[in-house]
Full PDB file with SEQRES, HELIX, SHEET, SSBOND, CRYST1, ORIGX, SCALE, CONECT and MASTER records, all heavy atoms in Angstrom:
SEQRES   1 A   40  LYS GLU ILE TYR GLN THR LYS VAL ALA GLY ILE PRO GLN          
SEQRES   2 A   40  ILE ILE SER ARG THR LEU SER ILE MET THR PHE GLU THR          
SEQRES   3 A   40  SER ASP ILE GLU GLU GLU PHE PHE ALA ASP MET LEU LEU          
SEQRES   4 A   40  TYR                                                          
HELIX    1 AA1 ILE A   11  THR A   23  1                                  13    
HELIX    2 AA2 ASP A   28  PHE A   34  1                                   7    
CRYST1    1.000    1.000    1.000  90.00  90.00  90.00 P 1           1          
ORIGX1      1.000000  0.000000  0.000000        0.00000                         
ORIGX2      0.000000  1.000000  0.000000        0.00000                         
ORIGX3      0.000000  0.000000  1.000000        0.00000                         
SCALE1      1.000000  0.000000  0.000000        0.00000                         
SCALE2      0.000000  1.000000  0.000000        0.00000                         
SCALE3      0.000000  0.000000  1.000000        0.00000                         
ATOM      1  N   LYS A   1      44.581 -43.561  25.832  1.00  0.00           N  
ATOM      2  CA  LYS A   1      45.080 -42.256  26.283  1.00  0.00           C  
ATOM      3  C   LYS A   1      46.526 -42.435  26.749  1.00  0.00           C  
ATOM      4  O   LYS A   1      46.797 -42.814  27.865  1.00  0.00           O  
ATOM      5  CB  LYS A   1      44.230 -41.720  27.422  1.00  0.00           C  
ATOM      6  CG  LYS A   1      44.599 -40.305  27.842  1.00  0.00           C  
ATOM      7  CD  LYS A   1      43.683 -39.801  28.934  1.00  0.00           C  
ATOM      8  CE  LYS A   1      44.009 -38.372  29.309  1.00  0.00           C  
ATOM      9  NZ  LYS A   1      43.126 -37.834  30.368  1.00  0.00           N  
ATOM     10  N   GLU A   2      47.439 -42.131  25.860  1.00  0.00           N  
ATOM     11  CA  GLU A   2      48.849 -42.323  26.181  1.00  0.00           C  
ATOM     12  C   GLU A   2      49.728 -41.434  25.342  1.00  0.00           C  
ATOM     13  O   GLU A   2      49.309 -40.897  24.314  1.00  0.00           O  
ATOM     14  CB  GLU A   2      49.252 -43.778  25.946  1.00  0.00           C  
ATOM     15  CG  GLU A   2      49.144 -44.187  24.492  1.00  0.00           C  
ATOM     16  CD  GLU A   2      49.645 -45.604  24.258  1.00  0.00           C  
ATOM     17  OE1 GLU A   2      50.765 -45.901  24.677  1.00  0.00           O  
ATOM     18  OE2 GLU A   2      48.908 -46.398  23.681  1.00  0.00           O  
ATOM     19  N   ILE A   3      50.923 -41.251  25.798  1.00  0.00           N  
ATOM     20  CA  ILE A   3      51.942 -40.586  25.005  1.00  0.00           C  
ATOM     21  C   ILE A   3      52.898 -41.675  24.532  1.00  0.00           C  
ATOM     22  O   ILE A   3      53.486 -42.388  25.333  1.00  0.00           O  
ATOM     23  CB  ILE A   3      52.709 -39.545  25.843  1.00  0.00           C  
ATOM     24  CG1 ILE A   3      51.747 -38.450  26.320  1.00  0.00           C  
ATOM     25  CG2 ILE A   3      53.843 -38.928  25.034  1.00  0.00           C  
ATOM     26  CD1 ILE A   3      52.397 -37.446  27.260  1.00  0.00           C  
ATOM     27  N   TYR A   4      53.036 -41.816  23.229  1.00  0.00           N  
ATOM     28  CA  TYR A   4      53.856 -42.881  22.699  1.00  0.00           C  
ATOM     29  C   TYR A   4      55.329 -42.571  22.995  1.00  0.00           C  
ATOM     30  O   TYR A   4      55.838 -41.524  22.623  1.00  0.00           O  
ATOM     31  CB  TYR A   4      53.606 -43.052  21.201  1.00  0.00           C  
ATOM     32  CG  TYR A   4      52.196 -43.457  20.883  1.00  0.00           C  
ATOM     33  CD1 TYR A   4      51.298 -42.557  20.331  1.00  0.00           C  
ATOM     34  CD2 TYR A   4      51.752 -44.739  21.174  1.00  0.00           C  
ATOM     35  CE1 TYR A   4      49.990 -42.931  20.055  1.00  0.00           C  
ATOM     36  CE2 TYR A   4      50.449 -45.126  20.891  1.00  0.00           C  
ATOM     37  CZ  TYR A   4      49.579 -44.215  20.335  1.00  0.00           C  
ATOM     38  OH  TYR A   4      48.287 -44.593  20.073  1.00  0.00           O  
ATOM     39  N   GLN A   5      55.971 -43.496  23.654  1.00  0.00           N  
ATOM     40  CA  GLN A   5      57.343 -43.288  24.090  1.00  0.00           C  
ATOM     41  C   GLN A   5      58.324 -44.252  23.426  1.00  0.00           C  
ATOM     42  O   GLN A   5      59.532 -44.121  23.600  1.00  0.00           O  
ATOM     43  CB  GLN A   5      57.434 -43.433  25.608  1.00  0.00           C  
ATOM     44  CG  GLN A   5      56.597 -42.378  26.357  1.00  0.00           C  
ATOM     45  CD  GLN A   5      56.615 -42.589  27.852  1.00  0.00           C  
ATOM     46  OE1 GLN A   5      56.792 -43.721  28.324  1.00  0.00           O  
ATOM     47  NE2 GLN A   5      56.460 -41.505  28.600  1.00  0.00           N  
ATOM     48  N   THR A   6      57.822 -45.204  22.689  1.00  0.00           N  
ATOM     49  CA  THR A   6      58.708 -46.171  22.030  1.00  0.00           C  
ATOM     50  C   THR A   6      58.633 -46.011  20.529  1.00  0.00           C  
ATOM     51  O   THR A   6      57.585 -45.701  19.959  1.00  0.00           O  
ATOM     52  CB  THR A   6      58.291 -47.619  22.390  1.00  0.00           C  
ATOM     53  OG1 THR A   6      56.934 -47.836  21.992  1.00  0.00           O  
ATOM     54  CG2 THR A   6      58.410 -47.837  23.900  1.00  0.00           C  
ATOM     55  N   LYS A   7      59.763 -46.220  19.872  1.00  0.00           N  
ATOM     56  CA  LYS A   7      59.810 -46.157  18.430  1.00  0.00           C  
ATOM     57  C   LYS A   7      59.261 -47.458  17.842  1.00  0.00           C  
ATOM     58  O   LYS A   7      59.398 -48.522  18.434  1.00  0.00           O  
ATOM     59  CB  LYS A   7      61.236 -45.935  17.955  1.00  0.00           C  
ATOM     60  CG  LYS A   7      61.808 -44.580  18.314  1.00  0.00           C  
ATOM     61  CD  LYS A   7      63.206 -44.396  17.743  1.00  0.00           C  
ATOM     62  CE  LYS A   7      63.735 -43.017  18.069  1.00  0.00           C  
ATOM     63  NZ  LYS A   7      65.105 -42.818  17.495  1.00  0.00           N  
ATOM     64  N   VAL A   8      58.643 -47.353  16.684  1.00  0.00           N  
ATOM     65  CA  VAL A   8      58.128 -48.543  16.019  1.00  0.00           C  
ATOM     66  C   VAL A   8      59.101 -48.981  14.936  1.00  0.00           C  
ATOM     67  O   VAL A   8      59.848 -48.163  14.366  1.00  0.00           O  
ATOM     68  CB  VAL A   8      56.730 -48.308  15.416  1.00  0.00           C  
ATOM     69  CG1 VAL A   8      55.732 -48.011  16.493  1.00  0.00           C  
ATOM     70  CG2 VAL A   8      56.766 -47.197  14.379  1.00  0.00           C  
ATOM     71  N   ALA A   9      59.086 -50.272  14.659  1.00  0.00           N  
ATOM     72  CA  ALA A   9      59.938 -50.806  13.607  1.00  0.00           C  
ATOM     73  C   ALA A   9      59.256 -52.009  12.980  1.00  0.00           C  
ATOM     74  O   ALA A   9      58.704 -52.843  13.675  1.00  0.00           O  
ATOM     75  CB  ALA A   9      61.303 -51.227  14.180  1.00  0.00           C  
ATOM     76  N   GLY A  10      59.250 -52.078  11.675  1.00  0.00           N  
ATOM     77  CA  GLY A  10      58.636 -53.208  11.000  1.00  0.00           C  
ATOM     78  C   GLY A  10      57.178 -52.933  10.659  1.00  0.00           C  
ATOM     79  O   GLY A  10      56.511 -52.117  11.300  1.00  0.00           O  
ATOM     80  N   ILE A  11      56.700 -53.636   9.642  1.00  0.00           N  
ATOM     81  CA  ILE A  11      55.332 -53.417   9.152  1.00  0.00           C  
ATOM     82  C   ILE A  11      54.270 -53.632  10.233  1.00  0.00           C  
ATOM     83  O   ILE A  11      53.381 -52.781  10.387  1.00  0.00           O  
ATOM     84  CB  ILE A  11      55.057 -54.322   7.929  1.00  0.00           C  
ATOM     85  CG1 ILE A  11      55.908 -53.825   6.753  1.00  0.00           C  
ATOM     86  CG2 ILE A  11      53.576 -54.310   7.555  1.00  0.00           C  
ATOM     87  CD1 ILE A  11      55.792 -54.695   5.509  1.00  0.00           C  
ATOM     88  N   PRO A  12      54.281 -54.756  10.996  1.00  0.00           N  
ATOM     89  CA  PRO A  12      53.225 -54.953  11.982  1.00  0.00           C  
ATOM     90  C   PRO A  12      53.131 -53.821  13.004  1.00  0.00           C  
ATOM     91  O   PRO A  12      52.032 -53.349  13.321  1.00  0.00           O  
ATOM     92  CB  PRO A  12      53.621 -56.274  12.644  1.00  0.00           C  
ATOM     93  CG  PRO A  12      54.449 -56.981  11.621  1.00  0.00           C  
ATOM     94  CD  PRO A  12      55.208 -55.898  10.938  1.00  0.00           C  
ATOM     95  N   GLN A  13      54.269 -53.352  13.518  1.00  0.00           N  
ATOM     96  CA  GLN A  13      54.257 -52.292  14.519  1.00  0.00           C  
ATOM     97  C   GLN A  13      53.799 -50.956  13.920  1.00  0.00           C  
ATOM     98  O   GLN A  13      53.067 -50.207  14.554  1.00  0.00           O  
ATOM     99  CB  GLN A  13      55.640 -52.137  15.143  1.00  0.00           C  
ATOM    100  CG  GLN A  13      56.034 -53.269  16.087  1.00  0.00           C  
ATOM    101  CD  GLN A  13      57.318 -52.993  16.835  1.00  0.00           C  
ATOM    102  OE1 GLN A  13      57.780 -51.848  16.906  1.00  0.00           O  
ATOM    103  NE2 GLN A  13      57.914 -54.028  17.394  1.00  0.00           N  
ATOM    104  N   ILE A  14      54.236 -50.684  12.703  1.00  0.00           N  
ATOM    105  CA  ILE A  14      53.840 -49.432  12.058  1.00  0.00           C  
ATOM    106  C   ILE A  14      52.331 -49.412  11.817  1.00  0.00           C  
ATOM    107  O   ILE A  14      51.647 -48.420  12.071  1.00  0.00           O  
ATOM    108  CB  ILE A  14      54.601 -49.233  10.730  1.00  0.00           C  
ATOM    109  CG1 ILE A  14      56.090 -48.987  11.013  1.00  0.00           C  
ATOM    110  CG2 ILE A  14      53.993 -48.078   9.938  1.00  0.00           C  
ATOM    111  CD1 ILE A  14      56.946 -48.967   9.754  1.00  0.00           C  
ATOM    112  N   ILE A  15      51.798 -50.535  11.344  1.00  0.00           N  
ATOM    113  CA  ILE A  15      50.353 -50.633  11.105  1.00  0.00           C  
ATOM    114  C   ILE A  15      49.587 -50.489  12.406  1.00  0.00           C  
ATOM    115  O   ILE A  15      48.597 -49.755  12.494  1.00  0.00           O  
ATOM    116  CB  ILE A  15      50.022 -51.955  10.416  1.00  0.00           C  
ATOM    117  CG1 ILE A  15      50.604 -51.995   9.007  1.00  0.00           C  
ATOM    118  CG2 ILE A  15      48.505 -52.176  10.362  1.00  0.00           C  
ATOM    119  CD1 ILE A  15      50.531 -53.356   8.347  1.00  0.00           C  
ATOM    120  N   SER A  16      50.050 -51.204  13.438  1.00  0.00           N  
ATOM    121  CA  SER A  16      49.368 -51.171  14.724  1.00  0.00           C  
ATOM    122  C   SER A  16      49.357 -49.765  15.308  1.00  0.00           C  
ATOM    123  O   SER A  16      48.328 -49.290  15.802  1.00  0.00           O  
ATOM    124  CB  SER A  16      50.057 -52.135  15.710  1.00  0.00           C  
ATOM    125  OG  SER A  16      49.445 -52.083  16.976  1.00  0.00           O  
ATOM    126  N   ARG A  17      50.503 -49.049  15.244  1.00  0.00           N  
ATOM    127  CA  ARG A  17      50.552 -47.686  15.777  1.00  0.00           C  
ATOM    128  C   ARG A  17      49.674 -46.740  14.976  1.00  0.00           C  
ATOM    129  O   ARG A  17      48.982 -45.899  15.531  1.00  0.00           O  
ATOM    130  CB  ARG A  17      52.015 -47.207  15.758  1.00  0.00           C  
ATOM    131  CG  ARG A  17      52.209 -45.740  16.212  1.00  0.00           C  
ATOM    132  CD  ARG A  17      51.900 -45.544  17.689  1.00  0.00           C  
ATOM    133  NE  ARG A  17      52.790 -46.307  18.510  1.00  0.00           N  
ATOM    134  CZ  ARG A  17      54.043 -45.919  18.852  1.00  0.00           C  
ATOM    135  NH1 ARG A  17      54.540 -44.794  18.404  1.00  0.00           N  
ATOM    136  NH2 ARG A  17      54.783 -46.689  19.655  1.00  0.00           N  
ATOM    137  N   THR A  18      49.691 -46.892  13.647  1.00  0.00           N  
ATOM    138  CA  THR A  18      48.860 -46.039  12.793  1.00  0.00           C  
ATOM    139  C   THR A  18      47.377 -46.200  13.119  1.00  0.00           C  
ATOM    140  O   THR A  18      46.644 -45.213  13.290  1.00  0.00           O  
ATOM    141  CB  THR A  18      49.103 -46.373  11.311  1.00  0.00           C  
ATOM    142  OG1 THR A  18      50.487 -46.184  11.010  1.00  0.00           O  
ATOM    143  CG2 THR A  18      48.249 -45.477  10.416  1.00  0.00           C  
ATOM    144  N   LEU A  19      46.934 -47.448  13.217  1.00  0.00           N  
ATOM    145  CA  LEU A  19      45.535 -47.711  13.535  1.00  0.00           C  
ATOM    146  C   LEU A  19      45.189 -47.216  14.926  1.00  0.00           C  
ATOM    147  O   LEU A  19      44.086 -46.702  15.172  1.00  0.00           O  
ATOM    148  CB  LEU A  19      45.236 -49.212  13.401  1.00  0.00           C  
ATOM    149  CG  LEU A  19      45.250 -49.767  11.972  1.00  0.00           C  
ATOM    150  CD1 LEU A  19      45.121 -51.272  11.990  1.00  0.00           C  
ATOM    151  CD2 LEU A  19      44.117 -49.132  11.156  1.00  0.00           C  
ATOM    152  N   SER A  20      46.122 -47.371  15.864  1.00  0.00           N  
ATOM    153  CA  SER A  20      45.872 -46.918  17.226  1.00  0.00           C  
ATOM    154  C   SER A  20      45.637 -45.429  17.256  1.00  0.00           C  
ATOM    155  O   SER A  20      44.708 -44.932  17.899  1.00  0.00           O  
ATOM    156  CB  SER A  20      47.066 -47.281  18.119  1.00  0.00           C  
ATOM    157  OG  SER A  20      46.881 -46.815  19.436  1.00  0.00           O  
ATOM    158  N   ILE A  21      46.478 -44.666  16.558  1.00  0.00           N  
ATOM    159  CA  ILE A  21      46.326 -43.212  16.518  1.00  0.00           C  
ATOM    160  C   ILE A  21      45.007 -42.803  15.889  1.00  0.00           C  
ATOM    161  O   ILE A  21      44.310 -41.906  16.358  1.00  0.00           O  
ATOM    162  CB  ILE A  21      47.506 -42.578  15.762  1.00  0.00           C  
ATOM    163  CG1 ILE A  21      48.810 -42.790  16.545  1.00  0.00           C  
ATOM    164  CG2 ILE A  21      47.271 -41.083  15.544  1.00  0.00           C  
ATOM    165  CD1 ILE A  21      50.061 -42.400  15.757  1.00  0.00           C  
ATOM    166  N   MET A  22      44.630 -43.522  14.808  1.00  0.00           N  
ATOM    167  CA  MET A  22      43.426 -43.159  14.072  1.00  0.00           C  
ATOM    168  C   MET A  22      42.131 -43.581  14.761  1.00  0.00           C  
ATOM    169  O   MET A  22      41.175 -42.807  14.862  1.00  0.00           O  
ATOM    170  CB  MET A  22      43.470 -43.771  12.677  1.00  0.00           C  
ATOM    171  CG  MET A  22      44.547 -43.226  11.775  1.00  0.00           C  
ATOM    172  SD  MET A  22      44.646 -44.121  10.199  1.00  0.00           S  
ATOM    173  CE  MET A  22      43.011 -43.866   9.554  1.00  0.00           C  
ATOM    174  N   THR A  23      42.099 -44.819  15.264  1.00  0.00           N  
ATOM    175  CA  THR A  23      40.817 -45.374  15.691  1.00  0.00           C  
ATOM    176  C   THR A  23      40.340 -44.891  17.040  1.00  0.00           C  
ATOM    177  O   THR A  23      39.145 -44.944  17.342  1.00  0.00           O  
ATOM    178  CB  THR A  23      40.877 -46.912  15.729  1.00  0.00           C  
ATOM    179  OG1 THR A  23      41.928 -47.328  16.616  1.00  0.00           O  
ATOM    180  CG2 THR A  23      41.124 -47.470  14.352  1.00  0.00           C  
ATOM    181  N   PHE A  24      41.248 -44.391  17.901  1.00  0.00           N  
ATOM    182  CA  PHE A  24      40.773 -43.951  19.203  1.00  0.00           C  
ATOM    183  C   PHE A  24      39.951 -42.678  19.130  1.00  0.00           C  
ATOM    184  O   PHE A  24      39.373 -42.234  20.116  1.00  0.00           O  
ATOM    185  CB  PHE A  24      41.941 -43.808  20.181  1.00  0.00           C  
ATOM    186  CG  PHE A  24      42.338 -45.128  20.789  1.00  0.00           C  
ATOM    187  CD1 PHE A  24      43.414 -45.841  20.316  1.00  0.00           C  
ATOM    188  CD2 PHE A  24      41.580 -45.685  21.807  1.00  0.00           C  
ATOM    189  CE1 PHE A  24      43.752 -47.075  20.840  1.00  0.00           C  
ATOM    190  CE2 PHE A  24      41.907 -46.920  22.355  1.00  0.00           C  
ATOM    191  CZ  PHE A  24      43.009 -47.609  21.866  1.00  0.00           C  
ATOM    192  N   GLU A  25      39.907 -42.077  17.928  1.00  0.00           N  
ATOM    193  CA  GLU A  25      39.033 -40.916  17.732  1.00  0.00           C  
ATOM    194  C   GLU A  25      37.611 -41.354  17.385  1.00  0.00           C  
ATOM    195  O   GLU A  25      36.694 -40.542  17.433  1.00  0.00           O  
ATOM    196  CB  GLU A  25      39.589 -40.018  16.630  1.00  0.00           C  
ATOM    197  CG  GLU A  25      40.969 -39.447  16.938  1.00  0.00           C  
ATOM    198  CD  GLU A  25      41.468 -38.553  15.812  1.00  0.00           C  
ATOM    199  OE1 GLU A  25      40.699 -38.368  14.843  1.00  0.00           O  
ATOM    200  OE2 GLU A  25      42.600 -38.057  15.902  1.00  0.00           O  
ATOM    201  N   THR A  26      37.413 -42.635  17.043  1.00  0.00           N  
ATOM    202  CA  THR A  26      36.101 -43.077  16.555  1.00  0.00           C  
ATOM    203  C   THR A  26      35.046 -43.083  17.639  1.00  0.00           C  
ATOM    204  O   THR A  26      33.848 -43.011  17.353  1.00  0.00           O  
ATOM    205  CB  THR A  26      36.173 -44.473  15.921  1.00  0.00           C  
ATOM    206  OG1 THR A  26      36.535 -45.435  16.948  1.00  0.00           O  
ATOM    207  CG2 THR A  26      37.219 -44.535  14.829  1.00  0.00           C  
ATOM    208  N   SER A  27      35.454 -43.194  18.896  1.00  0.00           N  
ATOM    209  CA  SER A  27      34.458 -43.326  19.979  1.00  0.00           C  
ATOM    210  C   SER A  27      34.390 -42.117  20.891  1.00  0.00           C  
ATOM    211  O   SER A  27      33.662 -42.137  21.878  1.00  0.00           O  
ATOM    212  CB  SER A  27      34.784 -44.564  20.838  1.00  0.00           C  
ATOM    213  OG  SER A  27      34.562 -45.739  20.096  1.00  0.00           O  
ATOM    214  N   ASP A  28      35.117 -41.038  20.552  1.00  0.00           N  
ATOM    215  CA  ASP A  28      35.166 -39.872  21.448  1.00  0.00           C  
ATOM    216  C   ASP A  28      33.788 -39.323  21.795  1.00  0.00           C  
ATOM    217  O   ASP A  28      33.459 -39.111  22.958  1.00  0.00           O  
ATOM    218  CB  ASP A  28      36.011 -38.761  20.839  1.00  0.00           C  
ATOM    219  CG  ASP A  28      37.507 -39.055  20.958  1.00  0.00           C  
ATOM    220  OD1 ASP A  28      37.849 -40.034  21.649  1.00  0.00           O  
ATOM    221  OD2 ASP A  28      38.309 -38.319  20.362  1.00  0.00           O  
ATOM    222  N   ILE A  29      32.987 -39.068  20.758  1.00  0.00           N  
ATOM    223  CA  ILE A  29      31.658 -38.473  20.983  1.00  0.00           C  
ATOM    224  C   ILE A  29      30.752 -39.438  21.737  1.00  0.00           C  
ATOM    225  O   ILE A  29      30.037 -39.061  22.676  1.00  0.00           O  
ATOM    226  CB  ILE A  29      31.018 -38.050  19.649  1.00  0.00           C  
ATOM    227  CG1 ILE A  29      31.862 -36.969  18.972  1.00  0.00           C  
ATOM    228  CG2 ILE A  29      29.585 -37.580  19.862  1.00  0.00           C  
ATOM    229  CD1 ILE A  29      31.358 -36.533  17.618  1.00  0.00           C  
ATOM    230  N   GLU A  30      30.791 -40.716  21.337  1.00  0.00           N  
ATOM    231  CA  GLU A  30      29.964 -41.730  21.987  1.00  0.00           C  
ATOM    232  C   GLU A  30      30.314 -41.855  23.460  1.00  0.00           C  
ATOM    233  O   GLU A  30      29.432 -41.914  24.323  1.00  0.00           O  
ATOM    234  CB  GLU A  30      30.165 -43.059  21.284  1.00  0.00           C  
ATOM    235  CG  GLU A  30      29.289 -44.192  21.831  1.00  0.00           C  
ATOM    236  CD  GLU A  30      29.431 -45.461  21.018  1.00  0.00           C  
ATOM    237  OE1 GLU A  30      29.408 -45.385  19.784  1.00  0.00           O  
ATOM    238  OE2 GLU A  30      29.576 -46.531  21.642  1.00  0.00           O  
ATOM    239  N   GLU A  31      31.595 -41.852  23.768  1.00  0.00           N  
ATOM    240  CA  GLU A  31      32.020 -41.936  25.171  1.00  0.00           C  
ATOM    241  C   GLU A  31      31.567 -40.711  25.941  1.00  0.00           C  
ATOM    242  O   GLU A  31      31.118 -40.818  27.102  1.00  0.00           O  
ATOM    243  CB  GLU A  31      33.552 -42.056  25.236  1.00  0.00           C  
ATOM    244  CG  GLU A  31      34.094 -43.368  24.700  1.00  0.00           C  
ATOM    245  CD  GLU A  31      35.583 -43.344  24.516  1.00  0.00           C  
ATOM    246  OE1 GLU A  31      36.269 -42.658  25.322  1.00  0.00           O  
ATOM    247  OE2 GLU A  31      36.095 -43.974  23.592  1.00  0.00           O  
ATOM    248  N   GLU A  32      31.701 -39.554  25.336  1.00  0.00           N  
ATOM    249  CA  GLU A  32      31.330 -38.305  26.009  1.00  0.00           C  
ATOM    250  C   GLU A  32      29.854 -38.281  26.409  1.00  0.00           C  
ATOM    251  O   GLU A  32      29.491 -37.818  27.489  1.00  0.00           O  
ATOM    252  CB  GLU A  32      31.636 -37.123  25.086  1.00  0.00           C  
ATOM    253  CG  GLU A  32      31.390 -35.747  25.701  1.00  0.00           C  
ATOM    254  CD  GLU A  32      32.335 -35.450  26.849  1.00  0.00           C  
ATOM    255  OE1 GLU A  32      33.472 -35.927  26.855  1.00  0.00           O  
ATOM    256  OE2 GLU A  32      31.894 -34.702  27.759  1.00  0.00           O  
ATOM    257  N   PHE A  33      28.992 -38.818  25.531  1.00  0.00           N  
ATOM    258  CA  PHE A  33      27.556 -38.738  25.787  1.00  0.00           C  
ATOM    259  C   PHE A  33      27.001 -39.937  26.550  1.00  0.00           C  
ATOM    260  O   PHE A  33      26.024 -39.803  27.272  1.00  0.00           O  
ATOM    261  CB  PHE A  33      26.799 -38.595  24.454  1.00  0.00           C  
ATOM    262  CG  PHE A  33      26.826 -37.201  23.906  1.00  0.00           C  
ATOM    263  CD1 PHE A  33      27.774 -36.844  22.955  1.00  0.00           C  
ATOM    264  CD2 PHE A  33      25.946 -36.237  24.339  1.00  0.00           C  
ATOM    265  CE1 PHE A  33      27.820 -35.564  22.449  1.00  0.00           C  
ATOM    266  CE2 PHE A  33      25.976 -34.942  23.849  1.00  0.00           C  
ATOM    267  CZ  PHE A  33      26.931 -34.591  22.895  1.00  0.00           C  
ATOM    268  N   PHE A  34      27.609 -41.115  26.400  1.00  0.00           N  
ATOM    269  CA  PHE A  34      26.967 -42.317  26.934  1.00  0.00           C  
ATOM    270  C   PHE A  34      27.730 -43.007  28.056  1.00  0.00           C  
ATOM    271  O   PHE A  34      27.172 -43.871  28.737  1.00  0.00           O  
ATOM    272  CB  PHE A  34      26.710 -43.326  25.814  1.00  0.00           C  
ATOM    273  CG  PHE A  34      25.723 -42.832  24.773  1.00  0.00           C  
ATOM    274  CD1 PHE A  34      26.167 -42.387  23.533  1.00  0.00           C  
ATOM    275  CD2 PHE A  34      24.371 -42.799  25.045  1.00  0.00           C  
ATOM    276  CE1 PHE A  34      25.269 -41.928  22.586  1.00  0.00           C  
ATOM    277  CE2 PHE A  34      23.467 -42.351  24.104  1.00  0.00           C  
ATOM    278  CZ  PHE A  34      23.904 -41.902  22.875  1.00  0.00           C  
ATOM    279  N   ALA A  35      29.003 -42.653  28.270  1.00  0.00           N  
ATOM    280  CA  ALA A  35      29.753 -43.267  29.379  1.00  0.00           C  
ATOM    281  C   ALA A  35      29.566 -42.453  30.645  1.00  0.00           C  
ATOM    282  O   ALA A  35      29.768 -41.233  30.647  1.00  0.00           O  
ATOM    283  CB  ALA A  35      31.224 -43.362  29.009  1.00  0.00           C  
ATOM    284  N   ASP A  36      29.156 -43.106  31.727  1.00  0.00           N  
ATOM    285  CA  ASP A  36      28.990 -42.413  33.002  1.00  0.00           C  
ATOM    286  C   ASP A  36      30.312 -42.324  33.760  1.00  0.00           C  
ATOM    287  O   ASP A  36      30.528 -41.387  34.527  1.00  0.00           O  
ATOM    288  CB  ASP A  36      27.965 -43.161  33.860  1.00  0.00           C  
ATOM    289  CG  ASP A  36      26.608 -43.181  33.189  1.00  0.00           C  
ATOM    290  OD1 ASP A  36      25.908 -42.154  33.256  1.00  0.00           O  
ATOM    291  OD2 ASP A  36      26.244 -44.216  32.572  1.00  0.00           O  
ATOM    292  N   MET A  37      31.177 -43.285  33.568  1.00  0.00           N  
ATOM    293  CA  MET A  37      32.542 -43.231  34.109  1.00  0.00           C  
ATOM    294  C   MET A  37      33.493 -43.765  33.038  1.00  0.00           C  
ATOM    295  O   MET A  37      33.255 -44.815  32.455  1.00  0.00           O  
ATOM    296  CB  MET A  37      32.664 -44.062  35.388  1.00  0.00           C  
ATOM    297  CG  MET A  37      34.083 -44.062  35.973  1.00  0.00           C  
ATOM    298  SD  MET A  37      34.251 -45.025  37.509  1.00  0.00           S  
ATOM    299  CE  MET A  37      33.439 -43.915  38.670  1.00  0.00           C  
ATOM    300  N   LEU A  38      34.540 -43.008  32.793  1.00  0.00           N  
ATOM    301  CA  LEU A  38      35.495 -43.366  31.759  1.00  0.00           C  
ATOM    302  C   LEU A  38      36.887 -43.474  32.359  1.00  0.00           C  
ATOM    303  O   LEU A  38      37.398 -42.496  32.922  1.00  0.00           O  
ATOM    304  CB  LEU A  38      35.475 -42.310  30.645  1.00  0.00           C  
ATOM    305  CG  LEU A  38      36.351 -42.522  29.427  1.00  0.00           C  
ATOM    306  CD1 LEU A  38      36.062 -43.845  28.753  1.00  0.00           C  
ATOM    307  CD2 LEU A  38      36.137 -41.369  28.450  1.00  0.00           C  
ATOM    308  N   LEU A  39      37.474 -44.655  32.299  1.00  0.00           N  
ATOM    309  CA  LEU A  39      38.774 -44.898  32.896  1.00  0.00           C  
ATOM    310  C   LEU A  39      39.859 -45.051  31.834  1.00  0.00           C  
ATOM    311  O   LEU A  39      39.633 -45.629  30.780  1.00  0.00           O  
ATOM    312  CB  LEU A  39      38.730 -46.181  33.741  1.00  0.00           C  
ATOM    313  CG  LEU A  39      37.694 -46.243  34.863  1.00  0.00           C  
ATOM    314  CD1 LEU A  39      37.831 -47.551  35.625  1.00  0.00           C  
ATOM    315  CD2 LEU A  39      37.806 -45.061  35.799  1.00  0.00           C  
ATOM    316  N   TYR A  40      41.046 -44.549  32.161  1.00  0.00           N  
ATOM    317  CA  TYR A  40      42.203 -44.643  31.297  1.00  0.00           C  
ATOM    318  C   TYR A  40      43.351 -45.297  32.072  1.00  0.00           C  
ATOM    319  O   TYR A  40      44.135 -44.613  32.704  1.00  0.00           O  
ATOM    320  CB  TYR A  40      42.662 -43.266  30.807  1.00  0.00           C  
ATOM    321  CG  TYR A  40      41.694 -42.532  29.929  1.00  0.00           C  
ATOM    322  CD1 TYR A  40      40.819 -41.585  30.487  1.00  0.00           C  
ATOM    323  CD2 TYR A  40      41.633 -42.757  28.568  1.00  0.00           C  
ATOM    324  CE1 TYR A  40      39.937 -40.873  29.676  1.00  0.00           C  
ATOM    325  CE2 TYR A  40      40.769 -42.049  27.747  1.00  0.00           C  
ATOM    326  CZ  TYR A  40      39.918 -41.121  28.314  1.00  0.00           C  
ATOM    327  OH  TYR A  40      39.044 -40.434  27.504  1.00  0.00           O  
TER     328      TYR A  40                                                      
MASTER        0    0    0    2    0    0    0    6  327    1    0    4          
END                                                                             
């Protein structure tokens, strides 16, 4: 849970940022139903 404030440069950073944006949606429903406390 963040607002990206730094620019990315180079393949590793671009890949990492892309995956970060995409994958944090994979657990939203699971967290909502099964996490009793969720920290950011």
